[in-house]
Structures are given as structure tokens and as C-alpha cells.
N, C-alpha and C. Protein backbone atom coordinates (compact mmCIF):
# COMPACT_ATOMS: atom_id res chain seq x y z
N MET A 1 -31.28 -42.74 43.32
CA MET A 1 -31.50 -41.74 42.32
C MET A 1 -30.88 -40.41 42.75
N LYS A 2 -30.99 -40.10 44.04
CA LYS A 2 -30.44 -38.86 44.55
C LYS A 2 -28.93 -38.84 44.41
N GLU A 3 -28.28 -39.97 44.66
CA GLU A 3 -26.82 -40.05 44.53
C GLU A 3 -26.40 -39.86 43.08
N PHE A 4 -27.16 -40.44 42.16
CA PHE A 4 -26.85 -40.28 40.73
C PHE A 4 -26.97 -38.82 40.30
N SER A 5 -28.03 -38.14 40.75
CA SER A 5 -28.22 -36.74 40.41
C SER A 5 -27.10 -35.87 40.97
N LEU A 6 -26.69 -36.17 42.20
CA LEU A 6 -25.60 -35.42 42.83
C LEU A 6 -24.29 -35.67 42.09
N ALA A 7 -24.03 -36.90 41.71
CA ALA A 7 -22.81 -37.23 40.96
C ALA A 7 -22.83 -36.57 39.59
N LEU A 8 -23.97 -36.56 38.94
CA LEU A 8 -24.10 -35.92 37.63
C LEU A 8 -23.87 -34.41 37.76
N LEU A 9 -24.46 -33.79 38.76
CA LEU A 9 -24.28 -32.36 38.99
C LEU A 9 -22.82 -32.04 39.28
N ASN A 10 -22.16 -32.84 40.12
CA ASN A 10 -20.74 -32.65 40.41
C ASN A 10 -19.90 -32.80 39.14
N GLY A 11 -20.25 -33.75 38.30
CA GLY A 11 -19.52 -33.95 37.05
C GLY A 11 -19.67 -32.77 36.10
N VAL A 12 -20.89 -32.26 35.99
CA VAL A 12 -21.13 -31.10 35.11
C VAL A 12 -20.40 -29.88 35.64
N ILE A 13 -20.49 -29.61 36.92
CA ILE A 13 -19.81 -28.46 37.52
C ILE A 13 -18.30 -28.61 37.37
N GLY A 14 -17.78 -29.78 37.63
CA GLY A 14 -16.34 -30.03 37.47
C GLY A 14 -15.89 -29.83 36.03
N GLY A 15 -16.71 -30.29 35.09
CA GLY A 15 -16.38 -30.11 33.67
C GLY A 15 -16.37 -28.64 33.27
N LEU A 16 -17.35 -27.88 33.78
CA LEU A 16 -17.40 -26.44 33.49
C LEU A 16 -16.20 -25.71 34.08
N ILE A 17 -15.82 -26.07 35.29
CA ILE A 17 -14.65 -25.44 35.93
C ILE A 17 -13.39 -25.79 35.16
N ALA A 18 -13.22 -27.05 34.78
CA ALA A 18 -12.04 -27.47 34.02
C ALA A 18 -11.97 -26.77 32.66
N THR A 19 -13.11 -26.64 32.01
CA THR A 19 -13.15 -25.95 30.71
C THR A 19 -12.80 -24.48 30.87
N THR A 20 -13.32 -23.84 31.90
CA THR A 20 -13.02 -22.43 32.15
C THR A 20 -11.53 -22.23 32.41
N ILE A 21 -10.95 -23.09 33.21
CA ILE A 21 -9.51 -23.00 33.50
C ILE A 21 -8.70 -23.22 32.22
N ALA A 22 -9.07 -24.22 31.42
CA ALA A 22 -8.35 -24.49 30.18
C ALA A 22 -8.45 -23.31 29.21
N LEU A 23 -9.63 -22.72 29.09
CA LEU A 23 -9.80 -21.56 28.21
C LEU A 23 -9.01 -20.35 28.72
N PHE A 24 -8.97 -20.16 30.03
CA PHE A 24 -8.20 -19.08 30.60
C PHE A 24 -6.71 -19.23 30.27
N PHE A 25 -6.16 -20.42 30.50
CA PHE A 25 -4.75 -20.64 30.22
C PHE A 25 -4.45 -20.58 28.72
N ARG A 26 -5.40 -20.96 27.90
CA ARG A 26 -5.22 -20.84 26.45
C ARG A 26 -5.08 -19.38 26.06
N GLU A 27 -5.96 -18.52 26.61
CA GLU A 27 -5.89 -17.09 26.31
C GLU A 27 -4.59 -16.48 26.83
N VAL A 28 -4.16 -16.86 28.02
CA VAL A 28 -2.89 -16.37 28.56
C VAL A 28 -1.75 -16.80 27.64
N TRP A 29 -1.77 -18.03 27.18
CA TRP A 29 -0.73 -18.54 26.30
C TRP A 29 -0.70 -17.76 24.98
N ILE A 30 -1.86 -17.57 24.37
CA ILE A 30 -1.94 -16.91 23.06
C ILE A 30 -1.65 -15.42 23.15
N LYS A 31 -2.18 -14.74 24.17
CA LYS A 31 -2.09 -13.28 24.22
C LYS A 31 -0.90 -12.75 25.01
N ILE A 32 -0.30 -13.56 25.87
CA ILE A 32 0.81 -13.05 26.68
C ILE A 32 2.10 -13.83 26.43
N ILE A 33 2.08 -15.13 26.59
CA ILE A 33 3.31 -15.91 26.52
C ILE A 33 3.86 -15.98 25.09
N THR A 34 3.02 -16.30 24.11
CA THR A 34 3.49 -16.41 22.72
C THR A 34 4.04 -15.08 22.20
N PRO A 35 3.34 -13.93 22.34
CA PRO A 35 3.94 -12.67 21.88
C PRO A 35 5.24 -12.33 22.60
N TRP A 36 5.31 -12.58 23.89
CA TRP A 36 6.54 -12.32 24.63
C TRP A 36 7.69 -13.14 24.06
N TYR A 37 7.45 -14.42 23.83
CA TYR A 37 8.49 -15.30 23.29
C TYR A 37 8.90 -14.86 21.87
N GLU A 38 7.91 -14.53 21.02
CA GLU A 38 8.22 -14.12 19.66
C GLU A 38 9.06 -12.84 19.65
N ASN A 39 8.77 -11.91 20.54
CA ASN A 39 9.59 -10.70 20.62
C ASN A 39 10.99 -10.99 21.12
N ARG A 40 11.14 -11.97 22.01
CA ARG A 40 12.47 -12.33 22.53
C ARG A 40 13.34 -12.94 21.44
N VAL A 41 12.77 -13.73 20.54
CA VAL A 41 13.58 -14.40 19.51
C VAL A 41 13.58 -13.65 18.18
N TYR A 42 12.87 -12.53 18.06
CA TYR A 42 12.78 -11.76 16.82
C TYR A 42 14.15 -11.19 16.48
N ARG A 43 14.61 -11.45 15.25
CA ARG A 43 15.92 -10.98 14.82
C ARG A 43 15.87 -10.26 13.47
N ASP A 44 14.71 -9.77 13.09
CA ASP A 44 14.56 -9.08 11.81
C ASP A 44 14.60 -7.57 12.07
N ALA A 45 14.50 -6.78 11.01
CA ALA A 45 14.49 -5.32 11.14
C ALA A 45 13.26 -4.86 11.90
N HIS A 46 13.38 -3.73 12.57
CA HIS A 46 12.26 -3.17 13.32
C HIS A 46 11.58 -2.11 12.45
N ILE A 47 10.38 -2.44 11.98
CA ILE A 47 9.66 -1.54 11.08
C ILE A 47 8.52 -0.81 11.77
N GLU A 48 8.30 -1.10 13.05
CA GLU A 48 7.19 -0.45 13.74
C GLU A 48 7.45 1.05 13.82
N GLY A 49 6.37 1.81 13.79
CA GLY A 49 6.47 3.26 13.82
C GLY A 49 5.56 3.89 12.80
N THR A 50 5.86 5.14 12.45
CA THR A 50 5.03 5.89 11.52
C THR A 50 5.78 6.08 10.21
N TRP A 51 5.06 5.88 9.11
CA TRP A 51 5.62 5.97 7.77
C TRP A 51 4.77 6.91 6.92
N LYS A 52 5.40 7.55 5.97
CA LYS A 52 4.70 8.37 4.98
C LYS A 52 4.67 7.54 3.70
N ALA A 53 3.48 7.35 3.15
CA ALA A 53 3.34 6.47 1.98
C ALA A 53 2.85 7.24 0.77
N LYS A 54 3.22 6.72 -0.40
CA LYS A 54 2.74 7.28 -1.66
C LYS A 54 2.19 6.12 -2.48
N PHE A 55 0.90 6.21 -2.76
CA PHE A 55 0.19 5.20 -3.54
C PHE A 55 -0.17 5.84 -4.87
N SER A 56 0.31 5.26 -5.97
CA SER A 56 0.01 5.88 -7.26
C SER A 56 -0.38 4.83 -8.29
N ASN A 57 -1.38 5.21 -9.11
CA ASN A 57 -1.76 4.39 -10.26
C ASN A 57 -1.89 5.30 -11.47
N ASP A 58 -2.50 4.84 -12.53
CA ASP A 58 -2.58 5.63 -13.77
C ASP A 58 -3.45 6.88 -13.65
N THR A 59 -4.38 6.90 -12.71
CA THR A 59 -5.33 8.02 -12.66
C THR A 59 -5.14 8.97 -11.47
N TYR A 60 -4.51 8.53 -10.39
CA TYR A 60 -4.36 9.42 -9.24
C TYR A 60 -3.23 8.96 -8.34
N THR A 61 -2.85 9.85 -7.43
CA THR A 61 -1.83 9.57 -6.42
C THR A 61 -2.39 9.98 -5.07
N ASP A 62 -2.26 9.09 -4.09
CA ASP A 62 -2.67 9.39 -2.72
C ASP A 62 -1.42 9.43 -1.83
N GLU A 63 -1.40 10.38 -0.91
CA GLU A 63 -0.38 10.38 0.13
C GLU A 63 -1.04 9.87 1.40
N GLU A 64 -0.30 9.04 2.15
CA GLU A 64 -0.88 8.36 3.31
C GLU A 64 0.05 8.43 4.51
N ARG A 65 -0.54 8.28 5.66
CA ARG A 65 0.20 8.13 6.91
C ARG A 65 -0.07 6.71 7.40
N VAL A 66 0.99 5.96 7.64
CA VAL A 66 0.87 4.56 8.02
C VAL A 66 1.44 4.36 9.43
N GLU A 67 0.65 3.75 10.30
CA GLU A 67 1.09 3.39 11.65
C GLU A 67 1.27 1.88 11.68
N ILE A 68 2.47 1.41 12.03
CA ILE A 68 2.77 -0.02 12.07
C ILE A 68 3.03 -0.45 13.51
N TYR A 69 2.40 -1.56 13.89
CA TYR A 69 2.63 -2.20 15.19
C TYR A 69 3.11 -3.62 14.91
N ARG A 70 4.11 -4.09 15.66
CA ARG A 70 4.69 -5.40 15.41
C ARG A 70 4.84 -6.17 16.71
N VAL A 71 4.48 -7.45 16.67
CA VAL A 71 4.75 -8.40 17.75
C VAL A 71 5.36 -9.62 17.08
N GLY A 72 6.66 -9.84 17.31
CA GLY A 72 7.35 -10.90 16.58
C GLY A 72 7.30 -10.56 15.10
N HIS A 73 6.91 -11.52 14.29
CA HIS A 73 6.79 -11.29 12.86
C HIS A 73 5.40 -10.78 12.46
N ALA A 74 4.45 -10.81 13.37
CA ALA A 74 3.09 -10.35 13.07
C ALA A 74 3.04 -8.83 13.06
N VAL A 75 2.38 -8.28 12.03
CA VAL A 75 2.30 -6.84 11.86
C VAL A 75 0.83 -6.44 11.70
N THR A 76 0.45 -5.37 12.37
CA THR A 76 -0.88 -4.77 12.19
C THR A 76 -0.68 -3.27 12.05
N GLY A 77 -1.71 -2.60 11.58
CA GLY A 77 -1.58 -1.15 11.49
C GLY A 77 -2.77 -0.49 10.86
N THR A 78 -2.63 0.82 10.69
CA THR A 78 -3.67 1.63 10.05
C THR A 78 -3.03 2.50 8.97
N ILE A 79 -3.79 2.73 7.94
CA ILE A 79 -3.38 3.60 6.84
C ILE A 79 -4.44 4.70 6.75
N THR A 80 -4.01 5.95 6.80
CA THR A 80 -4.91 7.08 6.67
C THR A 80 -4.49 7.91 5.47
N VAL A 81 -5.39 8.10 4.52
CA VAL A 81 -5.09 8.91 3.34
C VAL A 81 -5.13 10.37 3.75
N THR A 82 -3.98 11.07 3.59
CA THR A 82 -3.88 12.47 4.03
C THR A 82 -4.03 13.46 2.89
N ASN A 83 -3.84 13.01 1.64
CA ASN A 83 -3.95 13.92 0.51
C ASN A 83 -4.22 13.10 -0.75
N GLY A 84 -5.14 13.55 -1.56
CA GLY A 84 -5.43 12.87 -2.81
C GLY A 84 -6.90 12.55 -2.97
N LYS A 85 -7.19 11.71 -3.94
CA LYS A 85 -8.57 11.36 -4.29
C LYS A 85 -9.34 10.76 -3.12
N ASN A 86 -8.68 9.91 -2.34
CA ASN A 86 -9.35 9.21 -1.24
C ASN A 86 -9.07 9.84 0.12
N GLU A 87 -8.77 11.14 0.15
CA GLU A 87 -8.42 11.82 1.39
C GLU A 87 -9.48 11.58 2.47
N GLY A 88 -9.01 11.25 3.66
CA GLY A 88 -9.88 11.00 4.79
C GLY A 88 -10.24 9.54 5.01
N ARG A 89 -10.01 8.70 4.01
CA ARG A 89 -10.30 7.27 4.19
C ARG A 89 -9.25 6.63 5.08
N THR A 90 -9.69 5.65 5.85
CA THR A 90 -8.81 4.94 6.77
C THR A 90 -8.95 3.44 6.54
N TYR A 91 -7.83 2.74 6.61
CA TYR A 91 -7.79 1.30 6.37
C TYR A 91 -7.04 0.61 7.50
N ASN A 92 -7.45 -0.60 7.83
CA ASN A 92 -6.71 -1.46 8.75
C ASN A 92 -5.96 -2.49 7.92
N PHE A 93 -4.79 -2.91 8.40
CA PHE A 93 -4.09 -4.00 7.73
C PHE A 93 -3.50 -4.97 8.74
N ILE A 94 -3.28 -6.20 8.26
CA ILE A 94 -2.69 -7.26 9.07
C ILE A 94 -1.82 -8.10 8.15
N GLY A 95 -0.66 -8.50 8.66
CA GLY A 95 0.23 -9.29 7.83
C GLY A 95 1.44 -9.77 8.61
N SER A 96 2.53 -10.01 7.88
CA SER A 96 3.76 -10.47 8.52
C SER A 96 4.97 -9.82 7.84
N PHE A 97 6.03 -9.71 8.62
CA PHE A 97 7.28 -9.16 8.12
C PHE A 97 8.38 -10.17 8.39
N ARG A 98 8.93 -10.73 7.32
CA ARG A 98 10.01 -11.72 7.42
C ARG A 98 11.01 -11.48 6.30
N ASN A 99 12.29 -11.60 6.64
CA ASN A 99 13.37 -11.52 5.65
C ASN A 99 13.24 -10.27 4.77
N LEU A 100 12.98 -9.14 5.40
CA LEU A 100 12.89 -7.83 4.75
C LEU A 100 11.67 -7.65 3.86
N VAL A 101 10.69 -8.54 3.92
CA VAL A 101 9.50 -8.44 3.08
C VAL A 101 8.25 -8.33 3.98
N LEU A 102 7.47 -7.29 3.73
CA LEU A 102 6.20 -7.08 4.42
C LEU A 102 5.08 -7.49 3.48
N ILE A 103 4.28 -8.46 3.90
CA ILE A 103 3.12 -8.90 3.12
C ILE A 103 1.90 -8.72 4.01
N ALA A 104 0.88 -8.02 3.50
CA ALA A 104 -0.29 -7.73 4.32
C ALA A 104 -1.54 -7.59 3.47
N THR A 105 -2.67 -7.75 4.13
CA THR A 105 -3.97 -7.47 3.51
C THR A 105 -4.59 -6.30 4.25
N TYR A 106 -5.35 -5.50 3.52
CA TYR A 106 -5.98 -4.36 4.14
C TYR A 106 -7.45 -4.28 3.73
N HIS A 107 -8.22 -3.55 4.54
CA HIS A 107 -9.62 -3.30 4.22
C HIS A 107 -10.02 -1.96 4.82
N SER A 108 -11.05 -1.38 4.25
CA SER A 108 -11.53 -0.08 4.70
C SER A 108 -12.17 -0.19 6.07
N LYS A 109 -11.92 0.80 6.92
CA LYS A 109 -12.60 0.85 8.22
C LYS A 109 -14.07 1.17 8.05
N ASN A 110 -14.41 1.86 6.97
CA ASN A 110 -15.79 2.20 6.67
C ASN A 110 -16.47 0.96 6.08
N GLU A 111 -17.40 0.38 6.81
CA GLU A 111 -18.03 -0.87 6.40
C GLU A 111 -18.88 -0.73 5.14
N SER A 112 -19.23 0.49 4.75
CA SER A 112 -20.02 0.67 3.54
C SER A 112 -19.16 0.67 2.28
N LEU A 113 -17.83 0.72 2.44
CA LEU A 113 -16.92 0.67 1.29
C LEU A 113 -16.34 -0.74 1.16
N LEU A 114 -16.18 -1.19 -0.07
CA LEU A 114 -15.64 -2.52 -0.31
C LEU A 114 -14.14 -2.48 -0.60
N ASP A 115 -13.51 -1.30 -0.56
CA ASP A 115 -12.08 -1.18 -0.87
C ASP A 115 -11.28 -2.15 0.00
N ARG A 116 -10.47 -2.98 -0.67
CA ARG A 116 -9.61 -3.92 0.04
C ARG A 116 -8.53 -4.39 -0.91
N GLY A 117 -7.49 -4.97 -0.36
CA GLY A 117 -6.42 -5.46 -1.21
C GLY A 117 -5.27 -6.04 -0.42
N THR A 118 -4.16 -6.24 -1.11
CA THR A 118 -2.95 -6.78 -0.50
C THR A 118 -1.77 -5.95 -0.98
N PHE A 119 -0.71 -5.96 -0.19
CA PHE A 119 0.52 -5.34 -0.66
C PHE A 119 1.72 -6.18 -0.24
N CYS A 120 2.75 -6.10 -1.06
CA CYS A 120 4.01 -6.79 -0.82
C CYS A 120 5.11 -5.76 -0.98
N LEU A 121 5.82 -5.47 0.12
CA LEU A 121 6.81 -4.41 0.12
C LEU A 121 8.15 -4.94 0.61
N LEU A 122 9.23 -4.48 -0.02
CA LEU A 122 10.59 -4.86 0.34
C LEU A 122 11.25 -3.71 1.08
N LEU A 123 11.90 -4.01 2.22
CA LEU A 123 12.60 -3.00 3.00
C LEU A 123 13.92 -2.66 2.30
N THR A 124 14.10 -1.37 1.98
CA THR A 124 15.31 -0.92 1.28
C THR A 124 15.85 0.33 1.96
N LYS A 125 16.89 0.90 1.37
CA LYS A 125 17.51 2.14 1.83
C LYS A 125 17.83 2.11 3.32
N ASN A 126 18.58 1.05 3.69
CA ASN A 126 19.05 0.89 5.07
C ASN A 126 17.92 0.92 6.10
N GLY A 127 16.77 0.33 5.72
CA GLY A 127 15.64 0.22 6.64
C GLY A 127 14.75 1.44 6.69
N ASN A 128 14.94 2.38 5.77
CA ASN A 128 14.15 3.60 5.80
C ASN A 128 13.09 3.69 4.71
N GLN A 129 12.97 2.66 3.88
CA GLN A 129 11.95 2.68 2.83
C GLN A 129 11.42 1.28 2.60
N LEU A 130 10.12 1.20 2.40
CA LEU A 130 9.45 -0.03 1.96
C LEU A 130 8.88 0.27 0.59
N GLU A 131 9.21 -0.56 -0.39
CA GLU A 131 8.69 -0.31 -1.74
C GLU A 131 8.26 -1.61 -2.38
N GLY A 132 7.20 -1.51 -3.19
CA GLY A 132 6.70 -2.70 -3.86
C GLY A 132 5.41 -2.40 -4.59
N LYS A 133 4.51 -3.37 -4.54
CA LYS A 133 3.26 -3.28 -5.28
C LYS A 133 2.07 -3.51 -4.36
N CYS A 134 0.94 -2.99 -4.80
CA CYS A 134 -0.33 -3.18 -4.10
C CYS A 134 -1.35 -3.67 -5.12
N SER A 135 -2.01 -4.76 -4.82
CA SER A 135 -3.14 -5.24 -5.64
C SER A 135 -4.40 -4.96 -4.84
N TYR A 136 -5.42 -4.44 -5.51
CA TYR A 136 -6.57 -3.98 -4.75
C TYR A 136 -7.85 -4.07 -5.56
N TYR A 137 -8.96 -4.13 -4.82
CA TYR A 137 -10.28 -3.99 -5.41
C TYR A 137 -10.73 -2.57 -5.13
N SER A 138 -11.09 -1.87 -6.16
CA SER A 138 -11.56 -0.51 -6.02
C SER A 138 -13.08 -0.48 -6.10
N ASP A 139 -13.69 0.03 -5.07
CA ASP A 139 -15.15 0.14 -5.04
C ASP A 139 -15.64 1.13 -6.09
N SER A 140 -14.86 2.17 -6.34
CA SER A 140 -15.31 3.20 -7.29
C SER A 140 -15.27 2.70 -8.74
N THR A 141 -14.26 1.88 -9.10
CA THR A 141 -14.17 1.38 -10.48
C THR A 141 -14.70 -0.04 -10.63
N LYS A 142 -15.02 -0.68 -9.52
CA LYS A 142 -15.53 -2.06 -9.51
C LYS A 142 -14.60 -3.02 -10.25
N SER A 143 -13.29 -2.90 -9.97
CA SER A 143 -12.31 -3.75 -10.65
C SER A 143 -11.12 -4.03 -9.73
N ILE A 144 -10.31 -5.01 -10.14
CA ILE A 144 -9.08 -5.32 -9.43
C ILE A 144 -7.92 -4.81 -10.27
N ASP A 145 -6.99 -4.13 -9.62
CA ASP A 145 -5.86 -3.52 -10.31
C ASP A 145 -4.64 -3.61 -9.42
N HIS A 146 -3.51 -3.09 -9.89
CA HIS A 146 -2.30 -3.03 -9.08
C HIS A 146 -1.61 -1.69 -9.28
N SER A 147 -0.82 -1.30 -8.29
CA SER A 147 -0.14 -0.01 -8.33
C SER A 147 1.18 -0.09 -7.61
N ASP A 148 2.05 0.89 -7.88
CA ASP A 148 3.28 1.03 -7.14
C ASP A 148 2.96 1.57 -5.75
N TYR A 149 3.77 1.18 -4.78
CA TYR A 149 3.54 1.59 -3.40
C TYR A 149 4.89 1.83 -2.75
N VAL A 150 5.10 3.01 -2.19
CA VAL A 150 6.36 3.36 -1.54
C VAL A 150 6.06 3.98 -0.18
N TRP A 151 6.74 3.47 0.87
CA TRP A 151 6.62 4.01 2.21
C TRP A 151 7.99 4.52 2.64
N GLU A 152 8.04 5.67 3.28
CA GLU A 152 9.27 6.21 3.83
C GLU A 152 9.10 6.39 5.34
N LYS A 153 10.07 5.90 6.11
CA LYS A 153 9.98 5.96 7.56
C LYS A 153 10.15 7.39 8.04
N ILE A 154 9.26 7.83 8.93
CA ILE A 154 9.40 9.16 9.50
C ILE A 154 9.58 9.13 11.01
N ILE A 155 9.02 8.13 11.69
CA ILE A 155 9.16 8.03 13.15
C ILE A 155 9.31 6.56 13.51
N SER A 156 10.33 6.23 14.29
CA SER A 156 10.52 4.86 14.75
C SER A 156 9.57 4.58 15.89
N GLY A 157 9.21 3.28 16.02
CA GLY A 157 8.27 2.89 17.06
C GLY A 157 8.92 2.67 18.35
């Protein structure tokens, strides 16, 4: 019985060590090796940096500052409304940039607001402008709508 208990304990400890090692290498692969490789083979335009955005619909226009971070085709960033009806609001976004098209979803950093949506923007003007549409849920109007969306590059990343 003692030998069985010792063998069982060794098996459990060995399994835990093997699982820990596998999880460690998985994280290294996902967070270090894959992004490094994607950046090495990336051949699209470089859109990372700071952009000035103009969001307009039938009732108001907001001016925004957009920070874009890119690893391979994956894009993340923040949008801060600098002037307009929603001044001071901040949003996070995540998406991808392929073949001159940026597609992303965004949501408010303020968890008490339900503002969220998607945007699809085309890179134009020799890589200095992203323009397209934004579909969004507005917490203030409790509806889904769409608007024109234009970003102009001000600082390269």
C-alpha cells in the first residue's frame, strides 16, 4: 500500500510539473514567439501612432485622439474624445488591419456606460488618413446607428 501511495504521489507531482511546463511554454509561444514572427513577416502599411479623429452623425460631432498599437495584423488602441458632446470619454478598441482596411470593435472604459460599436476604415491619402463608417450602440439614445468616421495621422508610432 505504501508503494502505491508513493507511486500515486509521484504521478500527481510529475503531472503538475509537466502541466506547469506546458503552460509556461504556451504563454511564451503566444506572447513572445508569435508576435515576433508576425512582425517579421508583416508587409502591410504601418498605422501605429497617434491620429486625430472626427466622428459625426446627424446631431453632433466629436473630435478624438486615437492611439494605435500594432503587432503583426492585430491592432489595439484607445480613443479619447477631446471636444464635443462626449468630451472626456475614453474607449478601448481591438481589431485587425489587413489590405489597407482596419476593422475593430470598441467599448467604453467606463463600465457604467454601455457605449460600444464597430468601425471599418480604409487607409487613404498615401497612408495619412483612415476613413469609413462606425456602427454603434448609443447609451444616451438607446439605439443602434451609424456615422461617418475620419482619422488623420498626426504622429507615427
